[in-house]
Amino acid sequence: MPRIAVLDKDRCKPDDCRLLCMRVCPKVKTGDEAIIIDEETGKPVISELLCSGCGICVKKCPFNAISIINLPEEIGEPVHQYGINGFRIYSLPTPKNAVVGIVGSNGIGKTTVLKILAGELKPNLGSNAEWSEILERFRGNEIQNYLEKLASGEVKAVYKPQYVESIPRYVEGTVRNVLEERDESGRLENIVEALDMDSCMGKDVNSLSGGELQKMAIAACLIREGDVYLLDEPSSYLDVSERLNVARAVRELSGSNVFVIEHDLVVVDYLSDYVHIIYGKPGAYGIVSNIKGVRVGINEYLSGYLKSENVRFREELSFSVATPSEISKRSELVKYPPLEKKYPGFDLRVDEGVLYKLEVVGVLGPNATGKTTFVKMLADVIKPDNREIGCNLNVSYKPQYIKPSAETVRCLKLKTCVIKKLGLAHLLESRLDELSGGELQRVAVADCLSRNADLYLLDEPSAYLDVEERLRLAKYLRRFSEDNKSSVLVVDHDILLIDYLSDRLMVFSGESGRHGRASESLSLRDGMNLFLKEMNVSFRRDLDSGRPRANKPNSIKDREQKKKGEYYYTR
């Protein structure tokens, strides 16, 4: 059985622990060089051949920097490895002249495989392989022909990067000028219309919001002529309607090789023909699954079991919906009056509503229709214009945008149970301003949930989280509400997340940036029907997993449900 040893060099702090891993290693004590010191970095190097797999160094490392993993024989050698004791990826996705979704945890190798497919990263087969060795390795596989073209420079890849926030540092001018310079296909006006970008075309790139930057980056990708299109997390910063617009635009490229990394499973389901699941251990190794039909693949991902590979990689994530009878038994926490708030060029009206104990309320609606403004009024960060809310409650609030400081995570005094549930133990000594986006998001959520409160307000807690982190968070929030006899209100754009965690739903509507209107809290079914009718999209529940699935526009199911006024099925 092959054994891999992985050292997280960012976590490893030999000056602080005085190389504890070497001091406790039984093999080192007997004179073997199972662990030696890298002269350049001063950090340990673990020999995978000499390591006995006892796991003592893993347990004793105070920074959780070491992983020792036994892998099955049939997994073979890695396709790519980032140096000695570094992360490695096994296998590659299959080009299909279709849209192929790639799903998996953060740090599992999704971006690595995209860079290989784009030709930005040459697969080294674990060492420093030449193209002749690489092509021999994949001889007889579907991807062989693609790699041959990649090696000879015959493949033109068009890549949409994951982090669009950095675009203004490299690009200047108005959105229209930037896109016109890159239009190779003559599709610019069609893409602008499909992505609803008219309002931002005249803006300077430096003044764009996150959502506008994302749509510009997607448009810049789709208007190019390429052999393969690679989109890394195209739904970030976008609301539900915008995400579905992007999915439709990408679908128009389905005759080309298209690969999409995405954490919103509704979007993956809606735009993909096939999916690959990447599983393993984040930061240590990733294995690319066989290619699967989109429905089967997503269901297997949620079940945690890959049938054709006969591999279980985690426990099942199942769906359940609270019934009206369960909700009617809950006692009232607070009743708030109709609320109004006006800003220059924008006004918000909120219908009277009630929040109950032991419930989670989801909030859906387009960007810039007042969701964050409403949450801030409940949190007493801003005041309504028409009256005082008059809620004598302890409120804990996680804002949409998080400003990290230089203090460590430990300084936040997070509750032990929350640290455990959100998997933050290894981050306690890390500075907040050094965390990744997903790590910072989980810490911010943990900080909110660690306060004693009657009402917890979470504004877009899924940002930067992967699928498993989102669903684990959703599951925990439902349990948290019950255990603390509190109410939790969650604003988010991920329909699967909102469906998974919500007992009831608030729906915001209106014209983005002009005016917004918030409904009272509705049943999940009524709220989803109202929201999806405005989006002109219908959803059904998957018979096997229970997850929500978007119907294809004008499909038989789509027409049937819309005719009945049933845009959303809860069974």
Protein backbone atom coordinates (compact mmCIF):
# COMPACT_ATOMS: atom_id res chain seq x y z
CA MET A 1 0.00 0.00 0.00
CA PRO A 2 1.63 3.33 -1.08
CA ARG A 3 2.08 5.92 1.64
CA ILE A 4 2.26 9.67 1.14
CA ALA A 5 3.60 12.23 3.58
CA VAL A 6 2.45 15.83 3.15
CA LEU A 7 3.80 18.85 4.99
CA ASP A 8 1.83 22.11 4.97
CA LYS A 9 4.76 24.51 4.81
CA ASP A 10 2.61 27.51 5.72
CA ARG A 11 1.50 25.90 8.98
CA CYS A 12 4.87 24.36 9.85
CA LYS A 13 6.76 26.49 12.43
CA PRO A 14 9.93 24.64 13.42
CA ASP A 15 11.28 27.54 15.50
CA ASP A 16 8.19 27.40 17.73
CA CYS A 17 7.96 23.60 18.18
CA ARG A 18 11.70 22.89 18.05
CA LEU A 19 11.15 20.17 15.43
CA LEU A 20 8.89 18.10 17.67
CA CYS A 21 8.15 15.71 14.78
CA MET A 22 11.78 14.62 14.67
CA ARG A 23 12.01 14.29 18.44
CA VAL A 24 9.01 11.94 18.67
CA CYS A 25 9.61 9.84 15.52
CA PRO A 26 10.47 6.22 16.50
CA LYS A 27 12.41 5.68 13.26
CA VAL A 28 14.58 8.76 13.85
CA LYS A 29 15.27 7.52 17.40
CA THR A 30 16.64 4.26 15.97
CA GLY A 31 18.98 6.12 13.60
CA ASP A 32 16.93 6.06 10.37
CA GLU A 33 16.61 9.28 8.39
CA ALA A 34 12.82 9.09 8.21
CA ILE A 35 12.80 12.86 8.86
CA ILE A 36 15.61 15.21 7.91
CA ILE A 37 15.96 18.99 7.83
CA ASP A 38 15.90 21.00 4.62
CA GLU A 39 18.98 23.21 4.79
CA GLU A 40 17.35 26.04 2.84
CA THR A 41 14.04 26.30 4.72
CA GLY A 42 14.93 24.74 8.05
CA LYS A 43 11.75 22.69 7.81
CA PRO A 44 11.42 18.90 8.05
CA VAL A 45 11.39 16.59 5.03
CA ILE A 46 9.65 13.25 5.59
CA SER A 47 10.81 10.16 3.70
CA GLU A 48 7.80 8.29 2.38
CA LEU A 49 9.93 5.14 1.94
CA LEU A 50 11.28 5.09 5.50
CA CYS A 51 8.12 6.35 7.26
CA SER A 52 6.41 3.51 9.18
CA GLY A 53 3.01 5.24 9.16
CA CYS A 54 2.73 5.19 12.97
CA GLY A 55 1.10 8.65 12.94
CA ILE A 56 2.85 9.91 16.09
CA CYS A 57 4.19 13.03 14.34
CA VAL A 58 0.71 13.76 12.97
CA LYS A 59 -0.83 13.66 16.45
CA LYS A 60 1.96 15.56 18.18
CA CYS A 61 2.39 18.39 15.65
CA PRO A 62 0.92 21.46 17.44
CA PHE A 63 0.12 23.17 14.13
CA ASN A 64 -1.58 20.25 12.33
CA ALA A 65 0.97 20.63 9.54
CA ILE A 66 1.61 16.94 8.83
CA SER A 67 -0.52 14.35 7.02
CA ILE A 68 0.51 10.70 6.65
CA ILE A 69 -1.93 8.88 4.36
CA ASN A 70 -2.13 5.30 3.14
CA LEU A 71 -3.50 5.06 -0.41
CA PRO A 72 -4.82 1.99 -2.28
CA GLU A 73 -2.39 0.27 -4.66
CA GLU A 74 -4.61 0.80 -7.71
CA ILE A 75 -4.40 4.57 -7.48
CA GLY A 76 -1.04 4.52 -9.27
CA GLU A 77 1.42 7.40 -9.51
CA PRO A 78 0.38 11.06 -9.32
CA VAL A 79 -0.23 13.13 -12.43
CA HIS A 80 1.33 16.13 -10.74
CA GLN A 81 3.08 16.82 -7.43
CA TYR A 82 4.21 20.10 -5.89
CA GLY A 83 7.65 19.04 -4.72
CA ILE A 84 8.76 16.73 -1.89
CA ASN A 85 6.02 16.26 0.74
CA GLY A 86 3.79 18.48 -1.41
CA PHE A 87 0.22 18.24 -2.63
CA ARG A 88 -0.41 15.78 -5.49
CA ILE A 89 -3.25 15.14 -7.94
CA TYR A 90 -4.22 11.79 -9.46
CA SER A 91 -5.83 11.48 -12.91
CA LEU A 92 -7.28 14.27 -15.06
CA PRO A 93 -10.76 15.31 -16.28
CA THR A 94 -11.93 14.14 -19.71
CA PRO A 95 -12.56 16.67 -22.54
CA LYS A 96 -15.95 15.89 -24.11
CA ASN A 97 -16.91 18.74 -26.48
CA ALA A 98 -19.53 19.52 -23.86
CA VAL A 99 -19.82 21.39 -20.56
CA VAL A 100 -18.07 19.41 -17.82
CA GLY A 101 -18.54 20.51 -14.20
CA ILE A 102 -15.83 19.92 -11.61
CA VAL A 103 -16.90 19.69 -7.97
CA GLY A 104 -14.93 19.09 -4.79
CA SER A 105 -13.65 20.68 -1.60
CA ASN A 106 -11.37 23.71 -1.44
CA GLY A 107 -7.70 22.70 -1.59
CA ILE A 108 -8.46 19.42 -3.35
CA GLY A 109 -6.81 20.25 -6.71
CA LYS A 110 -9.58 21.71 -8.89
CA THR A 111 -7.61 24.77 -9.96
CA THR A 112 -4.52 22.59 -10.52
CA VAL A 113 -6.31 20.39 -13.08
CA LEU A 114 -7.67 23.48 -14.86
CA LYS A 115 -4.14 24.89 -15.14
CA ILE A 116 -2.94 21.57 -16.59
CA LEU A 117 -5.78 21.51 -19.13
CA ALA A 118 -5.01 25.15 -20.02
CA GLY A 119 -1.35 24.35 -20.64
CA GLU A 120 -0.22 26.70 -17.85
CA LEU A 121 1.09 23.78 -15.80
CA LYS A 122 2.92 20.80 -17.25
CA PRO A 123 2.01 17.56 -15.45
CA ASN A 124 5.26 16.25 -13.93
CA LEU A 125 4.07 12.73 -12.99
CA GLY A 126 5.42 13.31 -9.49
CA SER A 127 8.98 14.25 -10.52
CA ASN A 128 10.13 15.98 -13.72
CA ALA A 129 8.61 14.01 -16.59
CA GLU A 130 9.07 14.84 -20.29
CA TRP A 131 6.09 15.04 -22.64
CA SER A 132 6.99 11.64 -24.14
CA GLU A 133 6.60 10.03 -20.70
CA ILE A 134 3.37 11.94 -20.03
CA LEU A 135 1.80 10.84 -23.32
CA GLU A 136 2.89 7.24 -22.72
CA ARG A 137 1.24 7.37 -19.28
CA PHE A 138 -2.13 8.29 -20.81
CA ARG A 139 -1.89 6.10 -23.92
CA GLY A 140 -5.26 4.49 -24.62
CA ASN A 141 -7.19 6.99 -22.49
CA GLU A 142 -9.70 9.51 -23.88
CA ILE A 143 -7.51 12.43 -22.86
CA GLN A 144 -4.48 11.21 -24.84
CA ASN A 145 -5.38 13.09 -28.03
CA TYR A 146 -6.00 16.30 -26.09
CA LEU A 147 -2.64 16.08 -24.32
CA GLU A 148 -0.84 15.47 -27.63
CA LYS A 149 -2.32 18.70 -28.99
CA LEU A 150 -1.46 20.47 -25.75
CA ALA A 151 2.16 19.29 -26.00
CA SER A 152 2.47 20.50 -29.59
CA GLY A 153 0.87 23.88 -28.84
CA GLU A 154 -2.21 23.19 -30.97
CA VAL A 155 -4.67 23.89 -28.13
CA LYS A 156 -5.82 27.44 -27.45
CA ALA A 157 -7.21 27.69 -23.93
CA VAL A 158 -9.35 30.57 -22.67
CA TYR A 159 -9.27 30.87 -18.88
CA LYS A 160 -11.56 32.79 -16.51
CA PRO A 161 -9.66 33.12 -13.21
CA GLN A 162 -11.10 32.42 -9.78
CA TYR A 163 -10.28 35.73 -8.13
CA VAL A 164 -11.78 38.61 -10.11
CA GLU A 165 -11.09 41.18 -7.37
CA SER A 166 -7.54 41.68 -8.70
CA ILE A 167 -8.65 42.57 -12.26
CA PRO A 168 -8.57 46.38 -11.72
CA ARG A 169 -4.85 46.14 -10.89
CA TYR A 170 -4.08 44.89 -14.40
CA VAL A 171 -6.86 46.30 -16.60
CA GLU A 172 -7.74 49.94 -17.29
CA GLY A 173 -10.52 51.70 -19.17
CA THR A 174 -14.26 51.26 -19.47
CA VAL A 175 -15.87 47.83 -19.57
CA ARG A 176 -16.88 48.34 -23.21
CA ASN A 177 -13.35 49.28 -24.28
CA VAL A 178 -11.84 46.33 -22.42
CA LEU A 179 -14.28 43.85 -23.97
CA GLU A 180 -14.15 45.28 -27.50
CA GLU A 181 -10.35 44.86 -27.49
CA ARG A 182 -10.79 41.16 -26.66
CA ASP A 183 -13.76 40.30 -28.89
CA GLU A 184 -12.55 37.65 -31.33
CA SER A 185 -15.91 36.05 -32.07
CA GLY A 186 -18.23 38.95 -32.85
CA ARG A 187 -20.50 37.74 -30.03
CA LEU A 188 -19.94 40.72 -27.73
CA GLU A 189 -23.40 42.31 -27.98
CA ASN A 190 -25.10 38.92 -27.59
CA ILE A 191 -23.06 38.14 -24.49
CA VAL A 192 -23.72 41.60 -23.02
CA GLU A 193 -27.44 41.02 -23.45
CA ALA A 194 -27.30 37.46 -22.08
CA LEU A 195 -25.43 38.57 -18.95
CA ASP A 196 -27.55 41.74 -18.50
CA MET A 197 -24.49 44.00 -18.58
CA ASP A 198 -25.91 47.11 -20.27
CA SER A 199 -25.82 49.19 -17.08
CA CYS A 200 -22.09 48.66 -16.48
CA MET A 201 -20.67 48.89 -20.02
CA GLY A 202 -19.83 52.58 -19.67
CA LYS A 203 -18.29 52.26 -16.20
CA ASP A 204 -14.58 52.36 -15.51
CA VAL A 205 -13.17 48.98 -14.44
CA ASN A 206 -11.87 50.52 -11.20
CA SER A 207 -15.42 51.43 -10.12
CA LEU A 208 -17.05 48.02 -10.64
CA SER A 209 -18.67 45.97 -7.89
CA GLY A 210 -17.69 42.33 -7.33
CA GLY A 211 -20.66 41.11 -9.36
CA GLU A 212 -19.91 43.47 -12.24
CA LEU A 213 -16.24 42.38 -12.27
CA GLN A 214 -17.36 38.75 -12.37
CA LYS A 215 -19.67 39.31 -15.34
CA MET A 216 -16.97 41.27 -17.18
CA ALA A 217 -14.48 38.42 -16.62
CA ILE A 218 -17.00 35.85 -17.87
CA ALA A 219 -17.83 37.98 -20.92
CA ALA A 220 -14.10 38.42 -21.67
CA CYS A 221 -13.78 34.63 -21.67
CA LEU A 222 -16.87 33.83 -23.76
CA ILE A 223 -16.11 36.34 -26.54
CA ARG A 224 -12.72 34.75 -27.27
CA GLU A 225 -12.17 31.99 -29.82
CA GLY A 226 -10.69 28.91 -28.19
CA ASP A 227 -10.44 25.13 -28.23
CA VAL A 228 -11.14 24.84 -24.51
CA TYR A 229 -12.90 27.23 -22.12
CA LEU A 230 -12.04 27.03 -18.42
CA LEU A 231 -14.17 28.92 -15.91
CA ASP A 232 -13.11 28.94 -12.27
CA GLU A 233 -16.03 29.74 -9.90
CA PRO A 234 -18.12 31.93 -12.23
CA SER A 235 -21.03 32.41 -9.77
CA SER A 236 -19.15 34.28 -7.01
CA TYR A 237 -20.72 37.69 -6.20
CA LEU A 238 -23.74 36.97 -8.44
CA ASP A 239 -27.36 36.65 -7.36
CA VAL A 240 -29.58 33.72 -8.38
CA SER A 241 -30.89 35.33 -11.57
CA GLU A 242 -27.39 36.35 -12.66
CA ARG A 243 -26.06 32.84 -11.96
CA LEU A 244 -28.70 31.27 -14.17
CA ASN A 245 -28.01 33.86 -16.90
CA VAL A 246 -24.33 32.87 -16.78
CA ALA A 247 -25.27 29.20 -16.98
CA ARG A 248 -27.38 29.81 -20.09
CA ALA A 249 -24.58 31.81 -21.73
CA VAL A 250 -22.04 29.07 -21.01
CA ARG A 251 -24.42 26.43 -22.38
CA GLU A 252 -24.14 28.10 -25.79
CA LEU A 253 -20.52 26.88 -25.86
CA SER A 254 -21.54 23.26 -25.27
CA GLY A 255 -20.12 22.24 -28.66
CA SER A 256 -16.63 23.14 -27.37
CA ASN A 257 -14.53 21.71 -24.55
CA VAL A 258 -15.81 23.60 -21.51
CA PHE A 259 -14.75 22.96 -17.90
CA VAL A 260 -16.39 24.78 -15.00
CA ILE A 261 -15.37 24.72 -11.34
CA GLU A 262 -18.37 25.68 -9.25
CA HIS A 263 -19.53 25.35 -5.62
CA ASP A 264 -23.20 26.11 -6.30
CA LEU A 265 -24.58 22.66 -7.18
CA VAL A 266 -27.76 24.15 -8.65
CA VAL A 267 -25.60 26.02 -11.18
CA VAL A 268 -23.45 22.94 -11.87
CA ASP A 269 -26.61 20.88 -12.48
CA TYR A 270 -28.17 23.57 -14.67
CA LEU A 271 -25.21 24.16 -17.01
CA SER A 272 -23.29 20.85 -17.13
CA ASP A 273 -23.62 17.78 -19.34
CA TYR A 274 -21.14 15.76 -17.26
CA VAL A 275 -19.30 16.11 -13.96
CA HIS A 276 -16.04 14.99 -12.40
CA ILE A 277 -15.80 14.73 -8.61
CA ILE A 278 -12.42 15.39 -7.02
CA TYR A 279 -12.08 13.73 -3.62
CA GLY A 280 -9.22 13.04 -1.23
CA LYS A 281 -7.80 15.18 1.58
CA PRO A 282 -7.62 18.96 1.11
CA GLY A 283 -4.06 20.19 1.07
CA ALA A 284 -2.69 16.65 0.76
CA TYR A 285 -3.99 14.92 -2.37
CA GLY A 286 -6.89 14.85 -4.81
CA ILE A 287 -8.26 12.06 -7.00
CA VAL A 288 -10.29 12.87 -10.11
CA SER A 289 -13.25 10.50 -10.42
CA ASN A 290 -14.52 8.85 -13.61
CA ILE A 291 -16.65 11.14 -15.74
CA LYS A 292 -20.34 10.88 -14.82
CA GLY A 293 -23.70 12.12 -16.06
CA VAL A 294 -24.57 15.33 -14.25
CA ARG A 295 -27.53 14.00 -12.23
CA VAL A 296 -25.82 10.77 -11.20
CA GLY A 297 -22.55 12.56 -10.45
CA ILE A 298 -24.07 15.21 -8.18
CA ASN A 299 -26.18 12.61 -6.36
CA GLU A 300 -23.09 10.45 -5.78
CA TYR A 301 -21.21 13.49 -4.53
CA LEU A 302 -23.96 14.24 -2.01
CA SER A 303 -24.15 10.57 -0.99
CA GLY A 304 -20.38 10.48 -0.40
CA TYR A 305 -20.13 7.20 -2.33
CA LEU A 306 -18.79 6.76 -5.87
CA LYS A 307 -20.46 3.66 -7.27
CA SER A 308 -18.21 2.83 -10.24
CA GLU A 309 -15.06 3.38 -8.14
CA ASN A 310 -16.57 1.65 -5.07
CA VAL A 311 -15.20 4.46 -2.88
CA ARG A 312 -16.79 6.11 0.15
CA PHE A 313 -15.11 9.44 0.82
CA ARG A 314 -17.44 10.92 3.48
CA GLU A 315 -20.86 10.56 5.09
CA GLU A 316 -24.07 11.26 3.16
CA LEU A 317 -25.57 14.76 2.97
CA SER A 318 -29.37 14.37 2.88
CA PHE A 319 -32.22 16.87 2.52
CA SER A 320 -35.34 17.39 4.63
CA VAL A 321 -38.00 20.10 4.67
CA ALA A 322 -39.74 21.36 7.81
CA THR A 323 -43.52 20.79 7.62
CA PRO A 324 -46.11 23.52 8.46
CA SER A 325 -47.22 21.48 11.52
CA GLU A 326 -43.66 21.54 12.92
CA ILE A 327 -43.38 25.30 12.41
CA SER A 328 -46.79 26.06 13.97
CA LYS A 329 -45.60 24.63 17.31
CA ARG A 330 -42.83 27.23 17.65
CA SER A 331 -43.22 30.20 19.99
CA GLU A 332 -42.86 33.80 18.84
CA LEU A 333 -39.46 35.44 19.35
CA VAL A 334 -40.17 38.91 17.99
CA LYS A 335 -42.73 40.72 15.87
CA TYR A 336 -41.36 43.64 13.86
CA PRO A 337 -43.48 46.42 12.29
CA PRO A 338 -43.48 47.56 8.63
CA LEU A 339 -40.13 49.22 7.97
CA GLU A 340 -38.91 51.83 5.52
CA LYS A 341 -35.45 53.07 4.61
CA LYS A 342 -34.44 55.57 1.96
CA TYR A 343 -31.09 56.50 0.46
CA PRO A 344 -30.41 58.82 -2.49
CA GLY A 345 -31.79 56.93 -5.49
CA PHE A 346 -32.93 53.88 -3.47
CA ASP A 347 -35.80 53.04 -1.14
CA LEU A 348 -36.76 49.88 0.76
CA ARG A 349 -40.09 48.77 2.21
CA VAL A 350 -40.37 45.74 4.48
CA ASP A 351 -43.69 44.10 5.31
CA GLU A 352 -44.59 43.41 8.94
CA GLY A 353 -43.21 40.07 10.06
CA VAL A 354 -42.66 37.59 12.88
CA LEU A 355 -39.57 35.57 13.79
CA TYR A 356 -40.00 32.41 15.86
CA LYS A 357 -37.71 30.58 18.24
CA LEU A 358 -36.08 27.36 17.04
CA GLU A 359 -36.23 28.31 13.37
CA VAL A 360 -33.95 29.28 10.51
CA VAL A 361 -35.27 31.89 8.07
CA GLY A 362 -33.69 32.09 4.63
CA VAL A 363 -33.59 35.35 2.67
CA LEU A 364 -33.52 35.38 -1.14
CA GLY A 365 -33.60 38.18 -3.66
CA PRO A 366 -31.64 39.97 -6.40
CA ASN A 367 -28.54 42.00 -5.59
CA ALA A 368 -29.11 45.61 -4.47
CA THR A 369 -32.75 45.18 -3.40
CA GLY A 370 -32.18 45.87 0.32
CA LYS A 371 -31.41 42.51 1.94
CA THR A 372 -28.30 43.78 3.74
CA THR A 373 -30.09 47.00 4.68
CA PHE A 374 -32.89 44.98 6.34
CA VAL A 375 -30.40 42.83 8.26
CA LYS A 376 -28.55 45.93 9.45
CA MET A 377 -31.85 47.39 10.73
CA LEU A 378 -32.51 44.23 12.73
CA ALA A 379 -28.93 44.37 14.04
CA ASP A 380 -29.42 48.04 15.03
CA VAL A 381 -26.47 49.04 12.83
CA ILE A 382 -28.75 51.48 10.99
CA LYS A 383 -32.15 52.90 11.95
CA PRO A 384 -35.40 52.65 9.94
CA ASP A 385 -36.78 55.99 8.71
CA ASN A 386 -40.39 55.45 9.77
CA ARG A 387 -40.18 54.05 13.34
CA GLU A 388 -38.17 52.22 15.94
CA ILE A 389 -38.20 48.42 15.64
CA GLY A 390 -38.56 48.15 19.40
CA CYS A 391 -37.07 44.65 19.68
CA ASN A 392 -35.66 44.00 23.13
CA LEU A 393 -33.33 41.28 21.91
CA ASN A 394 -29.70 40.29 22.05
CA VAL A 395 -28.60 40.18 18.41
CA SER A 396 -25.38 38.73 16.91
CA TYR A 397 -24.52 39.88 13.38
CA LYS A 398 -22.06 38.60 10.76
CA PRO A 399 -21.72 41.28 8.05
CA GLN A 400 -21.48 40.59 4.33
CA TYR A 401 -18.00 42.08 4.01
CA ILE A 402 -15.40 41.06 6.58
CA LYS A 403 -12.46 43.31 7.47
CA PRO A 404 -9.70 41.14 8.97
CA SER A 405 -7.36 42.50 11.64
CA ALA A 406 -3.83 41.46 12.59
CA GLU A 407 -4.95 39.61 15.73
CA THR A 408 -5.04 35.81 15.92
CA VAL A 409 -8.14 33.66 15.71
CA ARG A 410 -7.66 32.66 19.35
CA CYS A 411 -8.18 36.29 20.42
CA LEU A 412 -11.81 36.07 19.28
CA LYS A 413 -12.60 33.67 22.16
CA LEU A 414 -14.65 31.30 20.03
CA LYS A 415 -16.72 28.64 21.76
CA THR A 416 -15.10 25.20 21.76
CA CYS A 417 -18.18 23.50 20.31
CA VAL A 418 -18.30 26.00 17.40
CA ILE A 419 -14.57 25.58 16.72
CA LYS A 420 -15.07 21.83 16.49
CA LYS A 421 -18.17 21.97 14.26
CA LEU A 422 -16.61 24.42 11.81
CA GLY A 423 -13.18 22.75 11.80
CA LEU A 424 -11.14 25.72 13.02
CA ALA A 425 -8.79 24.16 15.61
CA HIS A 426 -5.75 24.34 13.29
CA LEU A 427 -6.32 28.07 12.67
CA LEU A 428 -6.32 29.30 16.29
CA GLU A 429 -2.77 30.66 16.14
CA SER A 430 -3.20 32.17 12.64
CA ARG A 431 -3.63 35.89 12.08
CA LEU A 432 -6.99 36.92 10.65
CA ASP A 433 -5.37 38.96 7.86
CA GLU A 434 -3.41 35.89 6.71
CA LEU A 435 -6.41 33.57 6.29
CA SER A 436 -7.85 32.51 2.93
CA GLY A 437 -11.31 33.74 1.95
CA GLY A 438 -12.99 30.49 3.02
CA GLU A 439 -11.08 30.32 6.31
CA LEU A 440 -11.93 33.93 7.15
CA GLN A 441 -15.59 33.31 6.34
CA ARG A 442 -15.80 30.30 8.67
CA VAL A 443 -14.06 32.23 11.45
CA ALA A 444 -16.49 35.15 11.02
CA VAL A 445 -19.46 32.76 11.22
CA ALA A 446 -17.94 31.10 14.30
CA ASP A 447 -17.43 34.51 15.92
CA CYS A 448 -21.09 35.35 15.34
CA LEU A 449 -22.34 32.01 16.70
CA SER A 450 -20.04 32.18 19.74
CA ARG A 451 -21.90 35.18 21.17
CA ASN A 452 -24.92 34.71 23.43
CA ALA A 453 -27.93 36.02 21.53
CA ASP A 454 -31.62 35.50 20.81
CA LEU A 455 -31.28 36.28 17.10
CA TYR A 456 -28.33 35.46 14.83
CA LEU A 457 -27.99 37.33 11.52
CA LEU A 458 -25.67 35.90 8.85
CA ASP A 459 -25.20 37.90 5.65
CA GLU A 460 -23.88 35.69 2.79
CA PRO A 461 -22.10 33.08 4.95
CA SER A 462 -21.48 30.79 1.96
CA ALA A 463 -19.08 33.19 0.19
CA TYR A 464 -15.75 31.43 -0.55
CA LEU A 465 -16.97 28.15 1.01
CA ASP A 466 -16.93 24.90 -0.94
CA VAL A 467 -19.97 22.64 -1.33
CA GLU A 468 -19.22 20.45 1.68
CA GLU A 469 -18.47 23.43 3.91
CA ARG A 470 -21.76 25.04 2.85
CA LEU A 471 -23.85 21.98 3.57
CA ARG A 472 -22.06 21.25 6.86
CA LEU A 473 -22.73 24.85 7.86
CA ALA A 474 -26.40 24.55 6.88
CA LYS A 475 -26.78 21.35 8.89
CA TYR A 476 -25.07 22.92 11.89
CA LEU A 477 -27.20 26.09 11.77
CA ARG A 478 -30.39 24.03 12.00
CA ARG A 479 -29.04 22.15 15.01
CA PHE A 480 -27.65 25.37 16.51
CA SER A 481 -31.07 27.04 16.39
CA GLU A 482 -32.68 24.10 18.20
CA ASP A 483 -29.95 23.74 20.84
CA ASN A 484 -29.86 27.47 21.62
CA LYS A 485 -33.64 28.04 21.36
CA SER A 486 -32.87 30.98 19.10
CA SER A 487 -33.76 32.29 15.66
CA VAL A 488 -31.25 32.36 12.80
CA LEU A 489 -31.70 34.53 9.70
CA VAL A 490 -29.50 33.78 6.67
CA VAL A 491 -29.09 35.91 3.54
CA ASP A 492 -27.58 33.98 0.64
CA HIS A 493 -27.73 33.40 -3.13
CA ASP A 494 -27.15 29.63 -3.07
CA ILE A 495 -30.62 28.11 -3.52
CA LEU A 496 -29.46 24.64 -2.48
CA LEU A 497 -28.05 26.07 0.77
CA ILE A 498 -31.19 28.09 1.48
CA ASP A 499 -33.39 25.08 0.69
CA TYR A 500 -31.26 22.86 2.94
CA LEU A 501 -31.33 25.09 6.04
CA SER A 502 -34.58 27.09 5.88
CA ASP A 503 -37.80 26.52 7.79
CA ARG A 504 -39.34 29.65 6.25
CA LEU A 505 -38.35 32.20 3.63
CA MET A 506 -38.33 35.96 3.11
CA VAL A 507 -38.34 37.16 -0.50
CA PHE A 508 -36.97 40.50 -1.69
CA SER A 509 -38.06 41.91 -5.03
CA GLY A 510 -37.86 45.20 -6.89
CA GLU A 511 -35.42 46.93 -9.22
CA SER A 512 -31.75 46.53 -8.33
CA GLY A 513 -30.24 49.76 -7.05
CA ARG A 514 -33.57 51.62 -7.28
CA HIS A 515 -36.13 50.15 -4.92
CA GLY A 516 -36.75 46.98 -2.93
CA ARG A 517 -39.72 45.30 -1.28
CA ALA A 518 -39.45 42.54 1.33
CA SER A 519 -42.22 40.05 1.99
CA GLU A 520 -43.19 38.71 5.38
CA SER A 521 -41.75 35.31 6.31
CA LEU A 522 -43.49 32.69 4.15
CA SER A 523 -43.50 28.92 4.13
CA LEU A 524 -40.60 27.47 2.17
CA ARG A 525 -42.93 26.35 -0.60
CA ASP A 526 -44.79 29.68 -0.89
CA GLY A 527 -41.58 31.69 -0.63
CA MET A 528 -39.79 29.67 -3.30
CA ASN A 529 -42.82 29.84 -5.60
CA LEU A 530 -42.90 33.64 -5.24
CA PHE A 531 -39.17 34.03 -5.78
CA LEU A 532 -38.84 31.60 -8.70
CA LYS A 533 -41.91 33.02 -10.46
CA GLU A 534 -40.16 36.40 -10.53
CA MET A 535 -37.01 34.66 -11.81
CA ASN A 536 -39.14 32.79 -14.42
CA VAL A 537 -37.44 29.51 -13.43
CA SER A 538 -39.05 26.33 -12.14
CA PHE A 539 -37.49 23.78 -9.80
CA ARG A 540 -38.24 20.16 -9.01
CA ARG A 541 -36.91 17.85 -6.31
CA ASP A 542 -34.61 15.02 -7.28
CA LEU A 543 -36.32 11.72 -6.50
CA ASP A 544 -33.16 10.10 -5.08
CA SER A 545 -31.36 12.85 -3.15
CA GLY A 546 -34.24 15.27 -2.48
CA ARG A 547 -32.12 18.21 -3.70
CA PRO A 548 -33.65 21.05 -5.75
CA ARG A 549 -32.98 20.91 -9.49
CA ALA A 550 -33.63 23.70 -11.97
CA ASN A 551 -35.73 22.62 -14.96
CA LYS A 552 -34.34 23.39 -18.39
CA PRO A 553 -36.15 26.39 -19.95
CA ASN A 554 -39.25 25.35 -21.93
CA SER A 555 -38.77 21.67 -21.09
CA ILE A 556 -41.92 19.58 -20.59
CA LYS A 557 -41.49 19.72 -16.80
CA ASP A 558 -40.86 23.46 -16.90
CA ARG A 559 -44.02 24.12 -18.92
CA GLU A 560 -46.15 21.81 -16.78
CA GLN A 561 -45.10 23.38 -13.49
CA LYS A 562 -45.45 26.96 -14.70
CA LYS A 563 -48.93 26.21 -16.04
CA LYS A 564 -49.94 24.96 -12.58
CA GLY A 565 -48.22 27.87 -10.83
CA GLU A 566 -45.95 25.33 -9.10
CA TYR A 567 -42.49 26.79 -9.62
CA TYR A 568 -41.12 24.80 -6.69
CA TYR A 569 -41.90 21.31 -5.42
CA THR A 570 -41.29 20.44 -1.76
CA ARG A 571 -41.83 16.72 -2.39
